Amino acid sequence: MQFLETALRRALRKPSVRIERADSVSGGCIHEARHLITTEGDFFAKWSTRCPGDIFLREAEALETLRSVSAQTVIPRVIAAKGPVAGQPAFLLLEFLPPESRSDRSNDEKLGRGLAAIHRSQADRFGFSSPTYCGLTRQDNRWCDSWSGFYRDRRLRPLVEALDEDGRLSPSDRRLYERLLDRLPDFLPKDAPRSLIHGDLWSGNILFTTRGPALVDPSCAYADREMEFGMTTLFGGLSERAFAAYEEAWPLPAGWRERNPLYQIYHLLNHAVLFGGHYGHEARRLAQGFAG
């Protein structure tokens, strides 16, 4: 923990800071995570020796972007972020957000309205100022004028190629995904808003805190806002009340439910790359519904 104590001292400019206790935090499956109780208050820390060196730097940038536009949803303040140096792991230090039960119905409504407000923050093109990570998958966020082009070349194609290079796609699978990639412009909206999305929005990345609902572990991009719901419809995160509040604040366009499986395919392919298992089969099933 010495590297975290040193980082806190530098970030806070208080050389006397000491970590008094470091409690394990549940929910993470990739990094070490702790609730730090220090002489200067509570903080959250996560670190890893088995991750891309810039992963926490990119996460810090995404958090700061969300903080700059989010008035209704809590985004934790970044204290420090660093890549691996001289044998020390990469790490991220954030303010600690005390948990609270989600039993208050207003929390769900605040979450839905807050997410809609974040989505109303838009850019001139699709992409982001830097790469981001969804899990350990590096996402190419180079700017693009076309949504179908961005989704095809920056999201789906790299995952299909990764699975193919790893020998996990049959020739028929490869042909299926090539047909899907070719047909994306037929299915995706040509006038999609270039909305700021969290990008990895599931129940594990939504916190209910004493300050209100909070979002963590972002994988940001300016994208079709419908893409946000590819993850939530697969792995949960938004209650019916939260979704109703979102729809009241900014209704989704007609046909979004029919397009939703296209955005689920991205997360299923990413899980297939990261974890294997049944995710590849489910992605193939959904792809067949669009590519034939």
Protein backbone atom coordinates (compact mmCIF):
# COMPACT_ATOMS: atom_id res chain seq x y z
CA MET A 1 0.00 0.00 0.00
CA GLN A 2 3.01 2.31 0.18
CA PHE A 3 2.59 3.38 -3.46
CA LEU A 4 -1.00 4.45 -2.73
CA GLU A 5 0.01 6.35 0.38
CA THR A 6 2.73 8.13 -1.59
CA ALA A 7 0.25 8.99 -4.36
CA LEU A 8 -2.22 10.41 -1.83
CA ARG A 9 0.46 12.53 -0.22
CA ARG A 10 1.44 14.00 -3.56
CA ALA A 11 -2.11 14.53 -4.82
CA LEU A 12 -3.32 16.12 -1.58
CA ARG A 13 -0.01 17.92 -0.96
CA LYS A 14 -0.04 16.61 2.58
CA PRO A 15 3.10 14.59 3.40
CA SER A 16 1.65 13.36 6.68
CA VAL A 17 -1.23 11.36 5.15
CA ARG A 18 -1.37 7.76 6.37
CA ILE A 19 -3.57 4.84 5.30
CA GLU A 20 -5.04 3.42 8.49
CA ARG A 21 -7.11 0.65 6.92
CA ALA A 22 -7.78 -0.81 3.48
CA ASP A 23 -11.05 -2.74 3.23
CA SER A 24 -11.81 -5.03 0.29
CA VAL A 25 -14.51 -3.86 -2.09
CA SER A 26 -16.71 -6.41 -3.83
CA GLY A 27 -17.81 -6.28 -7.44
CA GLY A 28 -14.55 -6.05 -9.36
CA CYS A 29 -13.41 -9.00 -11.47
CA ILE A 30 -10.30 -7.55 -13.15
CA HIS A 31 -8.47 -5.30 -10.67
CA GLU A 32 -7.68 -5.15 -6.97
CA ALA A 33 -10.02 -2.69 -5.25
CA ARG A 34 -10.02 -1.21 -1.74
CA HIS A 35 -11.86 1.33 0.38
CA LEU A 36 -9.04 3.33 1.97
CA ILE A 37 -9.57 4.86 5.40
CA THR A 38 -6.90 7.51 5.90
CA THR A 39 -6.01 10.36 8.20
CA GLU A 40 -7.43 12.70 5.51
CA GLY A 41 -10.70 10.88 4.92
CA ASP A 42 -11.92 7.99 2.81
CA PHE A 43 -10.87 7.15 -0.74
CA PHE A 44 -11.37 4.39 -3.29
CA ALA A 45 -8.38 2.74 -4.95
CA LYS A 46 -7.94 0.12 -7.63
CA TRP A 47 -4.76 -1.19 -9.17
CA SER A 48 -3.41 -4.02 -11.29
CA THR A 49 -0.19 -5.52 -12.55
CA ARG A 50 -1.98 -7.43 -15.34
CA CYS A 51 -3.66 -4.66 -17.29
CA PRO A 52 -2.75 -2.32 -20.17
CA GLY A 53 -0.46 0.38 -18.83
CA ASP A 54 -2.75 3.30 -19.73
CA ILE A 55 -6.07 1.77 -18.67
CA PHE A 56 -6.52 3.91 -15.54
CA LEU A 57 -5.32 7.07 -17.32
CA ARG A 58 -8.02 6.55 -19.95
CA GLU A 59 -10.63 5.83 -17.27
CA ALA A 60 -9.68 9.02 -15.44
CA GLU A 61 -10.19 11.03 -18.65
CA ALA A 62 -13.61 9.49 -19.18
CA LEU A 63 -14.63 10.20 -15.58
CA GLU A 64 -13.58 13.82 -15.90
CA THR A 65 -15.57 14.15 -19.12
CA LEU A 66 -18.68 12.76 -17.44
CA ARG A 67 -18.14 15.03 -14.42
CA SER A 68 -17.98 18.06 -16.70
CA VAL A 69 -21.49 17.45 -18.09
CA SER A 70 -23.27 15.61 -15.27
CA ALA A 71 -25.29 17.78 -12.91
CA GLN A 72 -27.83 15.16 -11.81
CA THR A 73 -25.72 12.01 -11.59
CA VAL A 74 -22.74 11.67 -9.26
CA ILE A 75 -19.38 10.98 -10.92
CA PRO A 76 -16.49 10.38 -8.49
CA ARG A 77 -13.69 12.92 -8.47
CA VAL A 78 -10.32 11.65 -9.68
CA ILE A 79 -7.58 12.06 -7.07
CA ALA A 80 -4.73 10.47 -9.00
CA ALA A 81 -4.12 8.05 -11.89
CA LYS A 82 -0.87 6.54 -13.06
CA GLY A 83 0.52 3.84 -15.30
CA PRO A 84 2.99 1.20 -14.07
CA VAL A 85 6.37 2.63 -13.06
CA ALA A 86 9.50 0.90 -11.71
CA GLY A 87 7.75 -2.28 -10.66
CA GLN A 88 4.74 -0.53 -9.16
CA PRO A 89 1.28 -1.30 -10.56
CA ALA A 90 -0.96 1.03 -12.51
CA PHE A 91 -3.56 2.56 -10.22
CA LEU A 92 -6.54 4.89 -9.91
CA LEU A 93 -7.48 6.85 -6.78
CA LEU A 94 -10.98 8.33 -6.49
CA GLU A 95 -13.06 10.02 -3.86
CA PHE A 96 -15.04 7.45 -1.88
CA LEU A 97 -18.82 7.49 -2.33
CA PRO A 98 -20.61 6.10 0.78
CA PRO A 99 -23.22 3.52 -0.27
CA GLU A 100 -26.94 3.82 0.35
CA SER A 101 -29.90 1.54 -0.29
CA ARG A 102 -31.71 2.06 -3.60
CA SER A 103 -35.06 1.55 -1.84
CA ASP A 104 -35.90 5.24 -2.28
CA ARG A 105 -37.82 5.34 -5.57
CA SER A 106 -36.46 8.80 -6.28
CA ASN A 107 -32.98 7.30 -6.74
CA ASP A 108 -34.14 5.33 -9.78
CA GLU A 109 -35.86 8.36 -11.21
CA LYS A 110 -32.76 10.51 -10.66
CA LEU A 111 -30.69 7.85 -12.41
CA GLY A 112 -32.92 7.81 -15.47
CA ARG A 113 -33.14 11.58 -15.76
CA GLY A 114 -29.42 11.96 -15.13
CA LEU A 115 -28.54 9.48 -17.86
CA ALA A 116 -30.75 11.35 -20.33
CA ALA A 117 -28.97 14.58 -19.37
CA ILE A 118 -25.57 13.00 -20.04
CA HIS A 119 -26.79 11.78 -23.44
CA ARG A 120 -27.82 15.32 -24.32
CA SER A 121 -24.15 16.29 -24.25
CA GLN A 122 -23.10 15.90 -27.87
CA ALA A 123 -20.15 16.32 -30.23
CA ASP A 124 -19.78 17.13 -33.93
CA ARG A 125 -18.66 13.59 -34.80
CA PHE A 126 -18.70 10.06 -33.40
CA GLY A 127 -15.71 9.02 -31.30
CA PHE A 128 -13.79 10.33 -28.32
CA SER A 129 -10.64 12.30 -27.55
CA SER A 130 -8.68 9.17 -26.62
CA PRO A 131 -8.99 5.38 -26.66
CA THR A 132 -11.04 3.81 -23.88
CA TYR A 133 -11.36 0.30 -22.48
CA CYS A 134 -14.41 -1.92 -22.15
CA GLY A 135 -13.11 -4.45 -19.67
CA LEU A 136 -9.58 -5.04 -20.95
CA THR A 137 -10.56 -4.44 -24.58
CA ARG A 138 -9.00 -1.29 -26.01
CA GLN A 139 -11.53 0.68 -28.04
CA ASP A 140 -10.49 2.69 -31.08
CA ASN A 141 -12.27 6.05 -30.74
CA ARG A 142 -10.88 7.89 -33.74
CA TRP A 143 -13.45 10.39 -34.95
CA CYS A 144 -15.89 9.39 -37.68
CA ASP A 145 -18.72 11.25 -39.44
CA SER A 146 -20.82 8.13 -40.06
CA TRP A 147 -22.42 6.23 -37.20
CA SER A 148 -22.69 2.96 -39.14
CA GLY A 149 -19.05 3.38 -40.16
CA PHE A 150 -17.93 4.03 -36.60
CA TYR A 151 -19.87 1.10 -35.19
CA ARG A 152 -18.64 -1.21 -37.97
CA ASP A 153 -14.95 -0.26 -38.03
CA ARG A 154 -14.29 0.94 -34.46
CA ARG A 155 -16.41 -1.54 -32.54
CA LEU A 156 -17.59 -4.73 -34.26
CA ARG A 157 -14.84 -5.39 -36.81
CA PRO A 158 -11.92 -5.40 -34.30
CA LEU A 159 -13.70 -7.99 -32.15
CA VAL A 160 -14.56 -10.20 -35.12
CA GLU A 161 -10.92 -10.03 -36.25
CA ALA A 162 -9.64 -10.81 -32.74
CA LEU A 163 -11.82 -13.92 -32.52
CA ASP A 164 -10.85 -14.96 -36.04
CA GLU A 165 -7.12 -14.54 -35.38
CA ASP A 166 -7.52 -16.62 -32.24
CA GLY A 167 -9.10 -19.44 -34.25
CA ARG A 168 -12.48 -19.08 -32.58
CA LEU A 169 -14.51 -18.35 -35.72
CA SER A 170 -15.41 -20.95 -38.29
CA PRO A 171 -15.37 -19.95 -41.98
CA SER A 172 -19.18 -19.77 -41.89
CA ASP A 173 -19.04 -17.54 -38.81
CA ARG A 174 -16.63 -15.19 -40.57
CA ARG A 175 -18.93 -14.99 -43.60
CA LEU A 176 -21.89 -14.32 -41.31
CA TYR A 177 -20.18 -11.38 -39.62
CA GLU A 178 -18.96 -9.98 -42.94
CA ARG A 179 -22.56 -9.94 -44.15
CA LEU A 180 -23.63 -8.25 -40.93
CA LEU A 181 -20.91 -5.58 -41.25
CA ASP A 182 -21.89 -4.91 -44.85
CA ARG A 183 -25.57 -4.55 -43.95
CA LEU A 184 -25.21 -2.28 -40.91
CA PRO A 185 -26.15 0.89 -42.86
CA ASP A 186 -29.50 -0.77 -43.65
CA PHE A 187 -30.36 -1.10 -39.97
CA LEU A 188 -28.71 1.76 -38.10
CA PRO A 189 -30.17 5.28 -38.07
CA LYS A 190 -28.47 7.74 -40.39
CA ASP A 191 -29.40 10.69 -38.17
CA ALA A 192 -28.33 9.26 -34.80
CA PRO A 193 -27.38 11.93 -32.24
CA ARG A 194 -23.69 12.04 -31.35
CA SER A 195 -24.37 11.53 -27.66
CA LEU A 196 -21.89 11.09 -24.85
CA ILE A 197 -22.48 7.58 -23.47
CA HIS A 198 -21.05 5.81 -20.45
CA GLY A 199 -20.36 2.82 -22.68
CA ASP A 200 -20.30 0.00 -20.10
CA LEU A 201 -23.53 0.65 -18.24
CA TRP A 202 -24.60 -2.36 -16.21
CA SER A 203 -25.61 -2.87 -12.58
CA GLY A 204 -22.01 -3.29 -11.39
CA ASN A 205 -21.13 0.20 -12.65
CA ILE A 206 -24.13 1.95 -11.09
CA LEU A 207 -23.83 2.90 -7.42
CA PHE A 208 -26.50 4.19 -5.10
CA THR A 209 -24.78 6.53 -2.68
CA THR A 210 -25.63 8.99 0.06
CA ARG A 211 -25.18 11.71 -2.57
CA GLY A 212 -27.49 10.05 -5.08
CA PRO A 213 -27.03 7.60 -7.98
CA ALA A 214 -23.47 7.45 -9.30
CA LEU A 215 -21.73 6.05 -12.38
CA VAL A 216 -18.26 4.46 -12.33
CA ASP A 217 -15.94 2.54 -14.68
CA PRO A 218 -16.91 4.41 -17.86
CA SER A 219 -15.96 3.44 -21.39
CA CYS A 220 -17.01 6.69 -22.99
CA ALA A 221 -17.61 7.70 -26.57
CA TYR A 222 -19.86 10.03 -28.49
CA ALA A 223 -22.19 7.50 -30.07
CA ASP A 224 -25.77 6.68 -30.89
CA ARG A 225 -27.37 6.85 -27.44
CA GLU A 226 -29.21 3.60 -28.21
CA MET A 227 -25.86 1.82 -27.86
CA GLU A 228 -25.97 2.54 -24.11
CA PHE A 229 -28.87 0.16 -23.74
CA GLY A 230 -27.16 -2.78 -25.42
CA MET A 231 -25.37 -3.48 -22.13
CA THR A 232 -28.25 -2.72 -19.77
CA THR A 233 -30.65 -5.00 -21.62
CA LEU A 234 -28.11 -7.84 -21.44
CA PHE A 235 -26.84 -7.55 -17.88
CA GLY A 236 -29.26 -5.24 -16.09
CA GLY A 237 -28.72 -1.90 -14.43
CA LEU A 238 -31.77 0.21 -15.16
CA SER A 239 -34.96 -0.60 -13.29
CA GLU A 240 -38.33 -0.09 -14.97
CA ARG A 241 -38.72 3.11 -12.94
CA ALA A 242 -35.31 4.41 -14.04
CA PHE A 243 -36.02 3.62 -17.68
CA ALA A 244 -39.44 5.29 -17.49
CA ALA A 245 -37.79 8.42 -16.09
CA TYR A 246 -35.29 8.36 -18.96
CA GLU A 247 -38.07 8.02 -21.52
CA GLU A 248 -39.97 10.88 -19.91
CA ALA A 249 -36.89 13.11 -20.08
CA TRP A 250 -35.90 12.14 -23.65
CA PRO A 251 -37.96 9.44 -25.41
CA LEU A 252 -36.03 6.97 -27.54
CA PRO A 253 -36.91 6.90 -31.26
CA ALA A 254 -39.31 4.40 -32.79
CA GLY A 255 -37.70 1.06 -33.61
CA TRP A 256 -35.03 1.19 -30.92
CA ARG A 257 -36.08 -2.15 -29.44
CA GLU A 258 -35.73 -3.83 -32.84
CA ARG A 259 -32.23 -2.33 -33.21
CA ASN A 260 -31.21 -3.15 -29.63
CA PRO A 261 -29.84 -6.65 -30.46
CA LEU A 262 -27.33 -5.02 -32.84
CA TYR A 263 -25.81 -3.25 -29.85
CA GLN A 264 -26.00 -6.35 -27.69
CA ILE A 265 -23.82 -8.11 -30.27
CA TYR A 266 -20.91 -5.80 -29.44
CA HIS A 267 -20.92 -6.67 -25.75
CA LEU A 268 -21.45 -10.38 -26.42
CA LEU A 269 -18.50 -10.45 -28.81
CA ASN A 270 -16.39 -8.55 -26.29
CA HIS A 271 -17.30 -11.05 -23.58
CA ALA A 272 -16.44 -13.86 -26.00
CA VAL A 273 -13.00 -12.28 -26.54
CA LEU A 274 -12.42 -11.74 -22.82
CA PHE A 275 -14.09 -14.79 -21.25
CA GLY A 276 -15.04 -17.30 -23.95
CA GLY A 277 -17.96 -19.48 -22.92
CA HIS A 278 -21.43 -19.19 -24.41
CA TYR A 279 -21.15 -15.52 -25.40
CA GLY A 280 -19.93 -16.28 -28.91
CA HIS A 281 -22.88 -18.58 -29.57
CA GLU A 282 -25.36 -15.93 -28.41
CA ALA A 283 -23.68 -13.24 -30.53
CA ARG A 284 -23.89 -15.53 -33.57
CA ARG A 285 -27.59 -16.16 -32.93
CA LEU A 286 -28.34 -12.43 -32.86
CA ALA A 287 -26.18 -11.75 -35.92
CA GLN A 288 -28.14 -14.31 -37.91
CA GLY A 289 -31.31 -12.34 -37.24
CA PHE A 290 -29.86 -9.40 -39.20
CA ALA A 291 -27.43 -10.96 -41.66
CA GLY A 292 -29.46 -14.06 -42.48
